[in-house]
């Protein structure tokens, strides 16, 4: 869970190797960038054994001129292994923002709360 502001450059590399029958693993990344910050999240998961199960999950929120990149790599080396991935990059959800603002928060407070929730 990482937050970048200003001219920050964030590079995250995560790797999971599912070795052994019924091995399990999850790689989870949460990133928020503001200003001119940039983030690159590189996740690699490899399954080499029967019944190994894995998941790669990356969510990034960008604001202002922020730039985010997600690079999920899943590699399965056994026909009975299985890996899934999900990557989502975007701005703060408008519906969440409107809900919080209808409860008395201003836009900046609402955005900060949504990002804090993502990173908690």
C-alpha atoms as a PDB file:
ATOM      1  CA  UNK A   1       0.000   0.000   0.000  1.00  0.00           C
ATOM      2  CA  UNK A   2       1.724   3.127  -1.278  1.00  0.00           C
ATOM      3  CA  UNK A   3       0.752   6.750  -1.846  1.00  0.00           C
ATOM      4  CA  UNK A   4       2.684   9.167  -4.068  1.00  0.00           C
ATOM      5  CA  UNK A   5       2.483  12.963  -4.379  1.00  0.00           C
ATOM      6  CA  UNK A   6       4.271  15.730  -6.220  1.00  0.00           C
ATOM      7  CA  UNK A   7       6.967  14.299  -8.480  1.00  0.00           C
ATOM      8  CA  UNK A   8       7.276  10.937  -6.694  1.00  0.00           C
ATOM      9  CA  UNK A   9       8.302   7.932  -8.782  1.00  0.00           C
ATOM     10  CA  UNK A  10       7.056   4.654  -7.325  1.00  0.00           C
ATOM     11  CA  UNK A  11       8.254   1.284  -8.593  1.00  0.00           C
ATOM     12  CA  UNK A  12       6.895  -1.859  -6.983  1.00  0.00           C
ATOM     13  CA  UNK A  13       8.024  -5.373  -7.877  1.00  0.00           C
ATOM     14  CA  UNK A  14       6.327  -8.379  -6.328  1.00  0.00           C
ATOM     15  CA  UNK A  15       6.886 -12.030  -7.122  1.00  0.00           C
ATOM     16  CA  UNK A  16       5.183 -15.208  -6.004  1.00  0.00           C
ATOM     17  CA  UNK A  17       6.352 -18.703  -6.843  1.00  0.00           C
ATOM     18  CA  UNK A  18       3.833 -21.454  -6.186  1.00  0.00           C
ATOM     19  CA  UNK A  19       6.045 -24.496  -5.748  1.00  0.00           C
ATOM     20  CA  UNK A  20       4.631 -27.679  -4.310  1.00  0.00           C
ATOM     21  CA  UNK A  21       1.327 -29.465  -4.690  1.00  0.00           C
ATOM     22  CA  UNK A  22      -1.654 -27.333  -3.575  1.00  0.00           C
ATOM     23  CA  UNK A  23       0.536 -24.259  -3.039  1.00  0.00           C
ATOM     24  CA  UNK A  24      -1.489 -21.050  -2.563  1.00  0.00           C
ATOM     25  CA  UNK A  25      -0.641 -17.377  -2.934  1.00  0.00           C
ATOM     26  CA  UNK A  26      -2.057 -13.890  -3.437  1.00  0.00           C
ATOM     27  CA  UNK A  27      -0.206 -10.731  -4.478  1.00  0.00           C
ATOM     28  CA  UNK A  28      -2.146  -7.602  -3.498  1.00  0.00           C
ATOM     29  CA  UNK A  29      -1.100  -4.043  -4.419  1.00  0.00           C
ATOM     30  CA  UNK A  30      -2.846  -0.765  -3.608  1.00  0.00           C
ATOM     31  CA  UNK A  31      -1.437   2.515  -4.941  1.00  0.00           C
ATOM     32  CA  UNK A  32      -2.689   6.108  -5.049  1.00  0.00           C
ATOM     33  CA  UNK A  33      -0.877   8.878  -6.965  1.00  0.00           C
ATOM     34  CA  UNK A  34      -1.522  12.634  -7.008  1.00  0.00           C
ATOM     35  CA  UNK A  35       0.097  15.662  -8.570  1.00  0.00           C
ATOM     36  CA  UNK A  36       2.711  14.541 -11.087  1.00  0.00           C
ATOM     37  CA  UNK A  37       3.509  11.289  -9.288  1.00  0.00           C
ATOM     38  CA  UNK A  38       4.057   8.131 -11.314  1.00  0.00           C
ATOM     39  CA  UNK A  39       3.627   4.516 -10.264  1.00  0.00           C
ATOM     40  CA  UNK A  40       4.582   1.254 -11.900  1.00  0.00           C
ATOM     41  CA  UNK A  41       3.472  -1.998 -10.304  1.00  0.00           C
ATOM     42  CA  UNK A  42       5.062  -5.159 -11.674  1.00  0.00           C
ATOM     43  CA  UNK A  43       3.583  -8.404 -10.300  1.00  0.00           C
ATOM     44  CA  UNK A  44       4.767 -11.864 -11.351  1.00  0.00           C
ATOM     45  CA  UNK A  45       3.225 -15.110 -10.168  1.00  0.00           C
ATOM     46  CA  UNK A  46       4.391 -18.513 -11.373  1.00  0.00           C
ATOM     47  CA  UNK A  47       2.727 -21.869 -10.629  1.00  0.00           C
ATOM     48  CA  UNK A  48       4.764 -25.003 -11.264  1.00  0.00           C
ATOM     49  CA  UNK A  49       2.879 -27.716  -9.389  1.00  0.00           C
ATOM     50  CA  UNK A  50      -0.439 -29.557  -9.593  1.00  0.00           C
ATOM     51  CA  UNK A  51      -3.397 -27.890  -7.876  1.00  0.00           C
ATOM     52  CA  UNK A  52      -1.434 -24.724  -7.153  1.00  0.00           C
ATOM     53  CA  UNK A  53      -3.756 -21.695  -6.991  1.00  0.00           C
ATOM     54  CA  UNK A  54      -2.831 -18.030  -7.130  1.00  0.00           C
ATOM     55  CA  UNK A  55      -4.268 -14.573  -7.666  1.00  0.00           C
ATOM     56  CA  UNK A  56      -2.718 -11.191  -8.528  1.00  0.00           C
ATOM     57  CA  UNK A  57      -4.791  -8.146  -7.481  1.00  0.00           C
ATOM     58  CA  UNK A  58      -3.702  -4.567  -8.254  1.00  0.00           C
ATOM     59  CA  UNK A  59      -5.786  -1.430  -7.734  1.00  0.00           C
ATOM     60  CA  UNK A  60      -4.491   2.065  -8.440  1.00  0.00           C
ATOM     61  CA  UNK A  61      -6.163   5.466  -8.085  1.00  0.00           C
ATOM     62  CA  UNK A  62      -4.831   8.462 -10.001  1.00  0.00           C
ATOM     63  CA  UNK A  63      -5.576  12.158  -9.567  1.00  0.00           C
ATOM     64  CA  UNK A  64      -4.378  15.362 -11.178  1.00  0.00           C
ATOM     65  CA  UNK A  65      -1.574  14.528 -13.643  1.00  0.00           C
ATOM     66  CA  UNK A  66      -0.668  11.243 -11.968  1.00  0.00           C
ATOM     67  CA  UNK A  67       0.246   8.261 -14.124  1.00  0.00           C
ATOM     68  CA  UNK A  68      -0.151   4.619 -13.106  1.00  0.00           C
ATOM     69  CA  UNK A  69       0.889   1.428 -14.836  1.00  0.00           C
ATOM     70  CA  UNK A  70       0.073  -2.147 -13.798  1.00  0.00           C
ATOM     71  CA  UNK A  71       2.008  -5.054 -15.285  1.00  0.00           C
ATOM     72  CA  UNK A  72       0.597  -8.382 -14.096  1.00  0.00           C
ATOM     73  CA  UNK A  73       2.404 -11.467 -15.355  1.00  0.00           C
ATOM     74  CA  UNK A  74       0.926 -14.872 -14.638  1.00  0.00           C
ATOM     75  CA  UNK A  75       2.744 -18.010 -15.728  1.00  0.00           C
ATOM     76  CA  UNK A  76       1.402 -21.531 -15.322  1.00  0.00           C
ATOM     77  CA  UNK A  77       3.773 -24.445 -15.879  1.00  0.00           C
ATOM     78  CA  UNK A  78       1.479 -27.326 -14.924  1.00  0.00           C
ATOM     79  CA  UNK A  79      -1.870 -28.188 -16.551  1.00  0.00           C
ATOM     80  CA  UNK A  80      -3.576 -28.615 -13.164  1.00  0.00           C
ATOM     81  CA  UNK A  81      -2.414 -25.276 -11.736  1.00  0.00           C
ATOM     82  CA  UNK A  82      -4.465 -22.067 -11.958  1.00  0.00           C
ATOM     83  CA  UNK A  83      -3.674 -18.347 -11.578  1.00  0.00           C
ATOM     84  CA  UNK A  84      -6.015 -15.374 -12.016  1.00  0.00           C
ATOM     85  CA  UNK A  85      -5.336 -11.650 -12.107  1.00  0.00           C
ATOM     86  CA  UNK A  86      -7.249  -8.414 -11.787  1.00  0.00           C
ATOM     87  CA  UNK A  87      -5.870  -4.937 -12.389  1.00  0.00           C
ATOM     88  CA  UNK A  88      -7.888  -1.739 -12.083  1.00  0.00           C
ATOM     89  CA  UNK A  89      -6.594   1.790 -12.630  1.00  0.00           C
ATOM     90  CA  UNK A  90      -8.720   4.899 -12.544  1.00  0.00           C
ATOM     91  CA  UNK A  91      -9.885   7.959 -10.714  1.00  0.00           C
ATOM     92  CA  UNK A  92     -11.842   8.075  -7.480  1.00  0.00           C
ATOM     93  CA  UNK A  93     -15.247   6.435  -7.906  1.00  0.00           C
ATOM     94  CA  UNK A  94     -17.841   9.172  -8.536  1.00  0.00           C
ATOM     95  CA  UNK A  95     -20.626   7.353  -6.704  1.00  0.00           C
ATOM     96  CA  UNK A  96     -18.493   6.936  -3.575  1.00  0.00           C
ATOM     97  CA  UNK A  97     -17.464  10.589  -3.797  1.00  0.00           C
ATOM     98  CA  UNK A  98     -21.068  11.809  -4.125  1.00  0.00           C
ATOM     99  CA  UNK A  99     -22.216   9.621  -1.230  1.00  0.00           C
ATOM    100  CA  UNK A 100     -19.574  11.031   1.109  1.00  0.00           C
ATOM    101  CA  UNK A 101     -20.235  14.608  -0.022  1.00  0.00           C
ATOM    102  CA  UNK A 102     -23.966  14.131   0.613  1.00  0.00           C
ATOM    103  CA  UNK A 103     -23.020  13.291   4.203  1.00  0.00           C
ATOM    104  CA  UNK A 104     -21.281  16.606   4.743  1.00  0.00           C
ATOM    105  CA  UNK A 105     -17.707  16.117   3.550  1.00  0.00           C
ATOM    106  CA  UNK A 106     -16.251  18.523   1.023  1.00  0.00           C
ATOM    107  CA  UNK A 107     -14.701  17.039  -2.127  1.00  0.00           C
ATOM    108  CA  UNK A 108     -11.119  17.035  -0.836  1.00  0.00           C
ATOM    109  CA  UNK A 109     -12.116  15.370   2.445  1.00  0.00           C
ATOM    110  CA  UNK A 110     -14.144  12.761   0.562  1.00  0.00           C
ATOM    111  CA  UNK A 111     -11.263  11.974  -1.810  1.00  0.00           C
ATOM    112  CA  UNK A 112      -8.835  11.697   1.115  1.00  0.00           C
ATOM    113  CA  UNK A 113     -11.194   9.296   2.894  1.00  0.00           C
ATOM    114  CA  UNK A 114     -11.612   7.090  -0.197  1.00  0.00           C
ATOM    115  CA  UNK A 115      -7.853   6.928  -0.718  1.00  0.00           C
ATOM    116  CA  UNK A 116      -7.289   6.190   2.978  1.00  0.00           C
ATOM    117  CA  UNK A 117      -9.768   3.319   2.660  1.00  0.00           C
ATOM    118  CA  UNK A 118      -7.925   1.933  -0.366  1.00  0.00           C
ATOM    119  CA  UNK A 119      -4.605   2.089   1.441  1.00  0.00           C
ATOM    120  CA  UNK A 120      -5.805   0.741   4.810  1.00  0.00           C
END
